[in-house]
Amino acid sequence: MFTDYRIWPRDRNKCFSSQRWSEYENAFANLGNARPYRLSKEDGTVRIVVSFSSTEPDADYQYLVSEKGYVYSLAEPPGLVESLNGIGFETKGTFHKKIADHWYLYHEWSVGKPE
């Protein structure tokens, strides 16, 4: 998977063993409607996005963006918090909560504006 992450999940034989993919499918099934829809990789960190939303643009064409998902990282990511609950629009940035060895939940708030 790390050599060509764009093949995930279509050609899982090049990414994971069948057993590992089955484990991921079971974990994703427990998410309900929050299915993974994007995978990205940067600097040894894998990000699996499961939720993305944005507000309607305001008068200045600015909009708020929220993204949530999972991160796998060998190094501890910045913005580590005990809980992601209560993080709202006034708290912009990316925050991580550790859930297992090298696995984190993340929540990212940002402001977008077309250029």
N, C-alpha and C. Protein backbone atom coordinates (compact mmCIF):
# COMPACT_ATOMS: atom_id res chain seq x y z
N MET A 1 0.81 -1.18 0.00
CA MET A 1 0.00 0.00 0.00
C MET A 1 0.86 1.25 0.00
N PHE A 2 1.97 1.24 0.70
CA PHE A 2 2.79 2.43 0.81
C PHE A 2 3.51 2.77 -0.50
N THR A 3 3.65 1.81 -1.39
CA THR A 3 4.31 2.12 -2.66
C THR A 3 3.36 2.78 -3.64
N ASP A 4 2.08 2.49 -3.58
CA ASP A 4 1.11 3.14 -4.45
C ASP A 4 -0.25 3.14 -3.76
N TYR A 5 -0.47 4.12 -2.88
CA TYR A 5 -1.68 4.15 -2.08
C TYR A 5 -2.94 4.39 -2.90
N ARG A 6 -2.82 4.85 -4.14
CA ARG A 6 -4.01 5.14 -4.95
C ARG A 6 -4.78 3.86 -5.32
N ILE A 7 -4.18 2.70 -5.17
CA ILE A 7 -4.87 1.46 -5.51
C ILE A 7 -5.84 1.02 -4.42
N TRP A 8 -5.78 1.61 -3.24
CA TRP A 8 -6.63 1.22 -2.13
C TRP A 8 -8.02 1.80 -2.33
N PRO A 9 -9.11 1.13 -2.06
CA PRO A 9 -9.22 -0.29 -1.71
C PRO A 9 -9.52 -1.18 -2.91
N ARG A 10 -9.44 -0.64 -4.13
CA ARG A 10 -9.85 -1.41 -5.30
C ARG A 10 -9.06 -2.70 -5.48
N ASP A 11 -7.76 -2.65 -5.44
CA ASP A 11 -6.95 -3.84 -5.64
C ASP A 11 -6.29 -4.21 -4.32
N ARG A 12 -7.09 -4.74 -3.41
CA ARG A 12 -6.59 -4.97 -2.06
C ARG A 12 -5.48 -6.01 -1.99
N ASN A 13 -5.35 -6.87 -2.99
CA ASN A 13 -4.28 -7.85 -2.97
C ASN A 13 -2.90 -7.19 -3.03
N LYS A 14 -2.82 -5.98 -3.59
CA LYS A 14 -1.56 -5.26 -3.64
C LYS A 14 -1.35 -4.43 -2.38
N CYS A 15 -2.38 -4.30 -1.56
CA CYS A 15 -2.31 -3.43 -0.38
C CYS A 15 -2.14 -4.20 0.91
N PHE A 16 -3.04 -5.12 1.17
CA PHE A 16 -3.11 -5.82 2.44
C PHE A 16 -3.31 -7.31 2.18
N SER A 17 -3.03 -8.09 3.20
CA SER A 17 -3.40 -9.50 3.11
C SER A 17 -4.93 -9.58 3.17
N SER A 18 -5.50 -10.65 2.71
CA SER A 18 -6.96 -10.83 2.77
C SER A 18 -7.45 -10.78 4.21
N GLN A 19 -6.68 -11.35 5.12
CA GLN A 19 -7.06 -11.33 6.53
C GLN A 19 -7.09 -9.90 7.06
N ARG A 20 -6.07 -9.09 6.75
CA ARG A 20 -6.02 -7.72 7.24
C ARG A 20 -7.17 -6.91 6.64
N TRP A 21 -7.42 -7.09 5.33
CA TRP A 21 -8.51 -6.35 4.71
C TRP A 21 -9.84 -6.72 5.36
N SER A 22 -10.04 -7.99 5.69
CA SER A 22 -11.26 -8.43 6.37
C SER A 22 -11.40 -7.74 7.72
N GLU A 23 -10.29 -7.59 8.44
CA GLU A 23 -10.31 -6.89 9.73
C GLU A 23 -10.72 -5.44 9.54
N TYR A 24 -10.17 -4.77 8.50
CA TYR A 24 -10.54 -3.39 8.21
C TYR A 24 -12.02 -3.28 7.83
N GLU A 25 -12.49 -4.20 7.00
CA GLU A 25 -13.90 -4.17 6.59
C GLU A 25 -14.82 -4.30 7.80
N ASN A 26 -14.46 -5.17 8.74
CA ASN A 26 -15.25 -5.31 9.97
C ASN A 26 -15.22 -4.04 10.79
N ALA A 27 -14.05 -3.42 10.90
CA ALA A 27 -13.95 -2.16 11.66
C ALA A 27 -14.76 -1.07 10.98
N PHE A 28 -14.68 -0.97 9.65
CA PHE A 28 -15.43 0.05 8.93
C PHE A 28 -16.93 -0.19 9.03
N ALA A 29 -17.36 -1.46 9.07
CA ALA A 29 -18.78 -1.78 9.20
C ALA A 29 -19.34 -1.22 10.50
N ASN A 30 -18.53 -1.15 11.54
CA ASN A 30 -18.98 -0.61 12.83
C ASN A 30 -19.13 0.91 12.82
N LEU A 31 -18.68 1.56 11.75
CA LEU A 31 -18.78 3.01 11.66
C LEU A 31 -20.17 3.46 11.21
N GLY A 32 -21.01 2.53 10.79
CA GLY A 32 -22.33 2.91 10.29
C GLY A 32 -22.20 3.64 8.97
N ASN A 33 -22.77 4.84 8.90
CA ASN A 33 -22.74 5.62 7.66
C ASN A 33 -21.40 6.29 7.41
N ALA A 34 -20.53 6.33 8.38
CA ALA A 34 -19.24 7.02 8.25
C ALA A 34 -18.22 6.09 7.59
N ARG A 35 -18.39 5.85 6.32
CA ARG A 35 -17.49 4.97 5.57
C ARG A 35 -16.25 5.73 5.12
N PRO A 36 -15.11 5.08 5.08
CA PRO A 36 -13.91 5.76 4.57
C PRO A 36 -14.08 6.09 3.10
N TYR A 37 -13.77 7.33 2.74
CA TYR A 37 -13.91 7.69 1.34
C TYR A 37 -12.64 8.30 0.74
N ARG A 38 -11.64 8.54 1.56
CA ARG A 38 -10.39 9.05 1.01
C ARG A 38 -9.23 8.58 1.87
N LEU A 39 -8.16 8.24 1.23
CA LEU A 39 -6.94 7.83 1.90
C LEU A 39 -5.83 8.73 1.39
N SER A 40 -5.05 9.28 2.31
CA SER A 40 -3.90 10.08 1.90
C SER A 40 -2.69 9.66 2.69
N LYS A 41 -1.54 9.94 2.13
CA LYS A 41 -0.29 9.55 2.76
C LYS A 41 0.69 10.70 2.61
N GLU A 42 1.32 11.06 3.71
CA GLU A 42 2.30 12.15 3.68
C GLU A 42 3.27 11.98 4.84
N ASP A 43 4.56 12.06 4.55
CA ASP A 43 5.60 11.99 5.59
C ASP A 43 5.42 10.81 6.54
N GLY A 44 5.12 9.62 6.02
CA GLY A 44 5.00 8.44 6.85
C GLY A 44 3.73 8.35 7.66
N THR A 45 2.77 9.22 7.37
CA THR A 45 1.48 9.22 8.06
C THR A 45 0.38 8.87 7.07
N VAL A 46 -0.49 7.96 7.46
CA VAL A 46 -1.63 7.59 6.64
C VAL A 46 -2.87 8.17 7.28
N ARG A 47 -3.69 8.86 6.48
CA ARG A 47 -4.92 9.48 6.97
C ARG A 47 -6.10 8.85 6.22
N ILE A 48 -7.06 8.34 6.97
CA ILE A 48 -8.28 7.76 6.41
C ILE A 48 -9.43 8.68 6.79
N VAL A 49 -9.94 9.42 5.83
CA VAL A 49 -11.02 10.37 6.07
C VAL A 49 -12.35 9.62 6.05
N VAL A 50 -13.16 9.82 7.10
CA VAL A 50 -14.48 9.17 7.15
C VAL A 50 -15.62 10.17 7.20
N SER A 51 -15.32 11.44 7.43
CA SER A 51 -16.37 12.46 7.49
C SER A 51 -15.82 13.78 7.00
N PHE A 52 -16.59 14.45 6.14
CA PHE A 52 -16.20 15.75 5.63
C PHE A 52 -17.46 16.58 5.46
N SER A 53 -17.43 17.80 5.95
CA SER A 53 -18.59 18.68 5.76
C SER A 53 -18.11 20.12 5.71
N SER A 54 -18.94 20.97 5.09
CA SER A 54 -18.62 22.39 5.06
C SER A 54 -19.91 23.19 5.11
N THR A 55 -19.80 24.43 5.57
CA THR A 55 -20.94 25.32 5.64
C THR A 55 -21.11 26.01 4.28
N GLU A 56 -22.22 26.67 4.11
CA GLU A 56 -22.43 27.50 2.93
C GLU A 56 -21.53 28.73 3.04
N PRO A 57 -21.03 29.22 1.92
CA PRO A 57 -20.19 30.44 1.97
C PRO A 57 -20.97 31.62 2.53
N ASP A 58 -20.26 32.46 3.30
CA ASP A 58 -20.88 33.68 3.83
C ASP A 58 -20.74 34.80 2.79
N ALA A 59 -21.02 36.04 3.19
CA ALA A 59 -20.96 37.18 2.27
C ALA A 59 -19.57 37.39 1.69
N ASP A 60 -18.52 36.98 2.42
CA ASP A 60 -17.15 37.10 1.94
C ASP A 60 -16.67 35.83 1.24
N TYR A 61 -17.59 34.91 0.98
CA TYR A 61 -17.31 33.62 0.34
C TYR A 61 -16.44 32.69 1.19
N GLN A 62 -16.36 32.97 2.47
CA GLN A 62 -15.64 32.07 3.38
C GLN A 62 -16.59 30.97 3.84
N TYR A 63 -16.04 29.81 4.06
CA TYR A 63 -16.83 28.69 4.56
C TYR A 63 -15.99 27.89 5.56
N LEU A 64 -16.67 27.25 6.49
CA LEU A 64 -16.00 26.43 7.50
C LEU A 64 -16.00 24.98 7.03
N VAL A 65 -14.89 24.31 7.26
CA VAL A 65 -14.72 22.93 6.82
C VAL A 65 -14.39 22.07 8.03
N SER A 66 -15.04 20.92 8.13
CA SER A 66 -14.77 19.95 9.19
C SER A 66 -14.42 18.62 8.54
N GLU A 67 -13.33 18.02 9.00
CA GLU A 67 -12.91 16.71 8.50
C GLU A 67 -12.57 15.84 9.70
N LYS A 68 -13.01 14.57 9.66
CA LYS A 68 -12.75 13.63 10.76
C LYS A 68 -12.30 12.29 10.19
N GLY A 69 -11.52 11.57 10.98
CA GLY A 69 -11.11 10.26 10.52
C GLY A 69 -10.05 9.64 11.41
N TYR A 70 -9.27 8.77 10.79
CA TYR A 70 -8.23 8.02 11.49
C TYR A 70 -6.87 8.38 10.92
N VAL A 71 -5.87 8.33 11.78
CA VAL A 71 -4.48 8.56 11.37
C VAL A 71 -3.64 7.42 11.91
N TYR A 72 -2.77 6.89 11.05
CA TYR A 72 -1.76 5.94 11.49
C TYR A 72 -0.42 6.64 11.35
N SER A 73 0.31 6.74 12.45
CA SER A 73 1.59 7.43 12.43
C SER A 73 2.54 6.81 13.45
N LEU A 74 3.77 6.56 13.03
CA LEU A 74 4.76 6.03 13.96
C LEU A 74 5.18 7.10 14.95
N ALA A 75 5.18 8.36 14.52
CA ALA A 75 5.52 9.47 15.41
C ALA A 75 4.23 10.08 15.96
N GLU A 76 4.29 10.56 17.19
CA GLU A 76 3.13 11.20 17.78
C GLU A 76 2.79 12.48 17.01
N PRO A 77 1.55 12.61 16.53
CA PRO A 77 1.20 13.80 15.76
C PRO A 77 1.02 15.01 16.67
N PRO A 78 1.12 16.21 16.11
CA PRO A 78 0.89 17.42 16.91
C PRO A 78 -0.59 17.56 17.24
N GLY A 79 -0.90 18.37 18.23
CA GLY A 79 -2.29 18.62 18.59
C GLY A 79 -2.93 17.46 19.31
N LEU A 80 -2.17 16.75 20.13
CA LEU A 80 -2.71 15.60 20.86
C LEU A 80 -3.57 16.10 22.03
N VAL A 81 -4.81 15.59 22.12
CA VAL A 81 -5.74 15.98 23.18
C VAL A 81 -6.33 14.73 23.82
N GLU A 82 -6.87 14.90 25.02
CA GLU A 82 -7.52 13.79 25.72
C GLU A 82 -8.86 13.43 25.11
N SER A 83 -9.56 14.44 24.59
CA SER A 83 -10.89 14.23 24.02
C SER A 83 -11.11 15.16 22.84
N LEU A 84 -11.79 14.68 21.83
CA LEU A 84 -12.17 15.50 20.69
C LEU A 84 -13.54 16.13 20.88
N ASN A 85 -14.24 15.72 21.94
CA ASN A 85 -15.55 16.30 22.24
C ASN A 85 -15.40 17.76 22.63
N GLY A 86 -16.31 18.58 22.18
CA GLY A 86 -16.30 19.98 22.56
C GLY A 86 -15.44 20.87 21.68
N ILE A 87 -14.73 20.28 20.72
CA ILE A 87 -13.95 21.09 19.81
C ILE A 87 -14.91 21.62 18.75
N GLY A 88 -15.03 22.94 18.68
CA GLY A 88 -16.00 23.54 17.77
C GLY A 88 -15.36 24.46 16.76
N PHE A 89 -16.20 25.22 16.07
CA PHE A 89 -15.73 26.11 15.01
C PHE A 89 -14.74 27.15 15.51
N GLU A 90 -14.83 27.54 16.78
CA GLU A 90 -13.92 28.55 17.29
C GLU A 90 -12.52 28.00 17.53
N THR A 91 -12.35 26.70 17.49
CA THR A 91 -11.06 26.06 17.74
C THR A 91 -10.54 25.49 16.42
N LYS A 92 -9.94 26.32 15.60
CA LYS A 92 -9.44 25.86 14.31
C LYS A 92 -8.14 25.10 14.49
N GLY A 93 -7.91 24.15 13.60
CA GLY A 93 -6.68 23.37 13.63
C GLY A 93 -6.98 21.90 13.53
N THR A 94 -5.95 21.11 13.68
CA THR A 94 -6.07 19.66 13.63
C THR A 94 -5.72 19.10 15.00
N PHE A 95 -6.62 18.28 15.52
CA PHE A 95 -6.43 17.69 16.84
C PHE A 95 -6.51 16.17 16.74
N HIS A 96 -5.70 15.49 17.55
CA HIS A 96 -5.61 14.04 17.53
C HIS A 96 -5.88 13.47 18.91
N LYS A 97 -6.54 12.33 18.95
CA LYS A 97 -6.74 11.57 20.18
C LYS A 97 -6.21 10.17 19.94
N LYS A 98 -5.31 9.72 20.81
CA LYS A 98 -4.73 8.38 20.65
C LYS A 98 -5.77 7.33 21.00
N ILE A 99 -5.90 6.31 20.14
CA ILE A 99 -6.86 5.23 20.41
C ILE A 99 -6.18 3.86 20.49
N ALA A 100 -4.96 3.73 19.97
CA ALA A 100 -4.19 2.48 20.03
C ALA A 100 -2.76 2.81 19.62
N ASP A 101 -1.88 1.83 19.72
CA ASP A 101 -0.50 2.06 19.29
C ASP A 101 -0.48 2.57 17.86
N HIS A 102 0.04 3.76 17.67
CA HIS A 102 0.22 4.40 16.37
C HIS A 102 -1.08 4.80 15.67
N TRP A 103 -2.23 4.58 16.30
CA TRP A 103 -3.53 4.94 15.71
C TRP A 103 -4.16 6.09 16.50
N TYR A 104 -4.73 7.03 15.75
CA TYR A 104 -5.33 8.22 16.35
C TYR A 104 -6.63 8.55 15.61
N LEU A 105 -7.58 9.11 16.35
CA LEU A 105 -8.71 9.77 15.73
C LEU A 105 -8.26 11.21 15.48
N TYR A 106 -8.76 11.83 14.44
CA TYR A 106 -8.43 13.24 14.26
C TYR A 106 -9.68 14.02 13.89
N HIS A 107 -9.63 15.30 14.19
CA HIS A 107 -10.70 16.24 13.87
C HIS A 107 -10.02 17.52 13.43
N GLU A 108 -10.36 17.97 12.23
CA GLU A 108 -9.73 19.17 11.68
C GLU A 108 -10.79 20.19 11.30
N TRP A 109 -10.61 21.41 11.79
CA TRP A 109 -11.48 22.55 11.43
C TRP A 109 -10.64 23.55 10.67
N SER A 110 -11.18 24.09 9.60
CA SER A 110 -10.45 25.13 8.87
C SER A 110 -11.44 26.07 8.20
N VAL A 111 -10.93 27.18 7.71
CA VAL A 111 -11.72 28.16 6.98
C VAL A 111 -11.24 28.15 5.54
N GLY A 112 -12.18 28.02 4.62
CA GLY A 112 -11.84 28.04 3.20
C GLY A 112 -12.33 29.32 2.56
N LYS A 113 -11.63 29.73 1.52
CA LYS A 113 -12.06 30.89 0.77
C LYS A 113 -11.53 30.73 -0.66
N PRO A 114 -12.43 30.77 -1.64
CA PRO A 114 -11.95 30.65 -3.02
C PRO A 114 -10.98 31.78 -3.37
N GLU A 115 -10.01 31.47 -4.18
CA GLU A 115 -9.05 32.50 -4.58
C GLU A 115 -9.31 32.95 -5.98
